Amino acid sequence: MTGRRERGRTANRTGAAAEETAARYYVAKGAEILARNWRCREGELDIVVLDRGVLAFVEVKQRRHGASLYEPVSPAQWRRLEQAANRYMMEEAAMTGGLSGMRFDLVLIGPGGVPQVIENARNFDDS
């Protein structure tokens, strides 16, 4: 049991480091971080960013192997992210007024720790 617990702690630290890398990327390009690890019953949003008037829901994925980097989010995961984003919009309406749009970004962090950012990885209106 101790090995499983330690792997969980290591994964949490690794995930937190990946999210920090992604947040730094957005701040460096002038975006404002509105929320990190925002949770609701529908799911969790890793990072919520206001980027030039666009609300971006950012999913961060880190992989040890580059080959698995490009298949990180399943359709079911996208649905949960969309549901959590809808909840965020309802609960944080004051923060989300006056937007020029919204999008889902995916930040992939592979070996070497360099983030690959895919803006509009999933269009909000896609089904």
Protein backbone atom coordinates (compact mmCIF):
# COMPACT_ATOMS: atom_id res chain seq x y z
CA MET A 1 0.00 0.00 0.00
CA THR A 2 2.86 2.38 0.72
CA GLY A 3 4.15 2.15 -2.87
CA ARG A 4 0.76 3.11 -4.30
CA ARG A 5 0.46 6.04 -1.90
CA GLU A 6 3.94 7.29 -2.81
CA ARG A 7 3.19 7.00 -6.56
CA GLY A 8 0.05 9.08 -5.96
CA ARG A 9 2.05 11.77 -4.18
CA THR A 10 4.63 11.80 -6.95
CA ALA A 11 1.89 12.09 -9.59
CA ASN A 12 0.31 14.99 -7.69
CA ARG A 13 3.66 16.81 -7.47
CA THR A 14 4.35 16.16 -11.16
CA GLY A 15 0.87 17.38 -12.13
CA ALA A 16 1.24 20.50 -10.01
CA ALA A 17 4.60 21.25 -11.65
CA ALA A 18 3.07 20.81 -15.11
CA GLU A 19 0.19 23.13 -14.23
CA GLU A 20 2.65 25.70 -12.90
CA THR A 21 4.59 25.54 -16.19
CA ALA A 22 1.36 26.09 -18.13
CA ALA A 23 0.29 28.97 -15.89
CA ARG A 24 3.67 30.66 -16.35
CA TYR A 25 3.28 30.35 -20.11
CA TYR A 26 -0.05 32.18 -20.06
CA VAL A 27 1.15 34.88 -17.65
CA ALA A 28 4.24 35.48 -19.81
CA LYS A 29 2.01 36.12 -22.82
CA GLY A 30 -0.06 38.63 -20.83
CA ALA A 31 -3.05 36.50 -19.87
CA GLU A 32 -4.71 36.63 -16.47
CA ILE A 33 -5.14 33.46 -14.42
CA LEU A 34 -8.69 33.46 -13.04
CA ALA A 35 -8.68 30.04 -11.37
CA ARG A 36 -6.52 26.98 -10.83
CA ASN A 37 -7.81 23.51 -9.97
CA TRP A 38 -11.39 24.78 -9.95
CA ARG A 39 -13.62 21.92 -8.81
CA CYS A 40 -17.30 21.22 -8.99
CA ARG A 41 -19.43 18.09 -9.04
CA GLU A 42 -19.05 17.87 -12.83
CA GLY A 43 -15.26 17.79 -12.74
CA GLU A 44 -12.15 19.92 -12.45
CA LEU A 45 -10.70 22.69 -14.57
CA ASP A 46 -6.90 22.77 -14.35
CA ILE A 47 -6.58 26.46 -15.23
CA VAL A 48 -9.05 29.15 -16.27
CA VAL A 49 -7.45 32.04 -18.14
CA LEU A 50 -8.59 35.39 -19.49
CA ASP A 51 -6.54 35.84 -22.66
CA ARG A 52 -7.21 39.05 -24.64
CA GLY A 53 -10.91 38.99 -23.80
CA VAL A 54 -11.27 35.26 -24.43
CA LEU A 55 -12.03 32.88 -21.59
CA ALA A 56 -9.81 29.81 -21.98
CA PHE A 57 -10.35 26.59 -20.08
CA VAL A 58 -6.94 24.94 -20.02
CA GLU A 59 -6.40 21.21 -19.63
CA VAL A 60 -2.81 20.31 -18.76
CA LYS A 61 -1.37 16.89 -19.52
CA GLN A 62 2.13 15.71 -18.77
CA ARG A 63 3.55 12.52 -20.19
CA ARG A 64 6.85 10.78 -19.62
CA HIS A 65 6.89 9.48 -23.19
CA GLY A 66 6.45 11.69 -26.23
CA ALA A 67 4.52 9.04 -28.17
CA SER A 68 1.53 9.19 -25.80
CA LEU A 69 1.50 12.99 -25.77
CA TYR A 70 -0.97 13.46 -28.62
CA GLU A 71 -3.81 11.27 -27.35
CA PRO A 72 -4.27 12.66 -23.87
CA VAL A 73 -7.99 13.56 -23.71
CA SER A 74 -10.80 11.12 -24.41
CA PRO A 75 -14.26 12.18 -25.64
CA ALA A 76 -15.64 11.42 -22.17
CA GLN A 77 -13.01 13.67 -20.58
CA TRP A 78 -13.88 16.48 -23.01
CA ARG A 79 -17.55 16.14 -22.01
CA ARG A 80 -16.65 16.42 -18.32
CA LEU A 81 -14.47 19.47 -19.04
CA GLU A 82 -17.32 21.08 -20.97
CA GLN A 83 -19.75 20.39 -18.14
CA ALA A 84 -17.32 21.85 -15.59
CA ALA A 85 -16.80 24.89 -17.84
CA ASN A 86 -20.57 25.40 -18.05
CA ARG A 87 -20.76 25.24 -14.24
CA TYR A 88 -17.88 27.73 -13.98
CA MET A 89 -19.72 30.12 -16.30
CA MET A 90 -22.87 29.87 -14.16
CA GLU A 91 -21.13 30.25 -10.82
CA GLU A 92 -18.59 32.86 -11.82
CA ALA A 93 -20.88 34.98 -14.01
CA ALA A 94 -19.41 38.26 -12.71
CA MET A 95 -15.95 37.19 -13.89
CA THR A 96 -17.17 36.05 -17.28
CA GLY A 97 -19.17 39.08 -18.43
CA GLY A 98 -18.06 41.05 -21.48
CA LEU A 99 -16.11 38.25 -23.13
CA SER A 100 -15.30 38.22 -26.81
CA GLY A 101 -15.30 34.41 -26.81
CA MET A 102 -14.19 31.25 -25.10
CA ARG A 103 -12.13 28.22 -25.96
CA PHE A 104 -10.60 25.03 -24.64
CA ASP A 105 -6.83 24.88 -24.72
CA LEU A 106 -4.67 21.85 -24.22
CA VAL A 107 -1.16 22.18 -22.82
CA LEU A 108 0.96 19.12 -23.42
CA ILE A 109 4.16 18.74 -21.46
CA GLY A 110 6.40 15.91 -22.52
CA PRO A 111 9.96 14.91 -21.85
CA GLY A 112 12.08 17.99 -21.25
CA GLY A 113 9.25 19.99 -19.71
CA VAL A 114 8.66 22.28 -22.69
CA PRO A 115 4.95 23.07 -23.06
CA GLN A 116 3.16 22.62 -26.36
CA VAL A 117 0.05 24.78 -26.34
CA ILE A 118 -2.88 23.91 -28.58
CA GLU A 119 -5.40 26.74 -28.55
CA ASN A 120 -8.97 25.81 -29.47
CA ALA A 121 -8.16 22.15 -28.93
CA ARG A 122 -11.87 21.60 -28.53
CA ASN A 123 -14.40 24.14 -29.73
CA PHE A 124 -16.96 24.95 -27.06
CA ASP A 125 -19.87 24.49 -29.47
CA ASP A 126 -18.71 21.07 -30.76
CA SER A 127 -20.91 18.14 -29.93
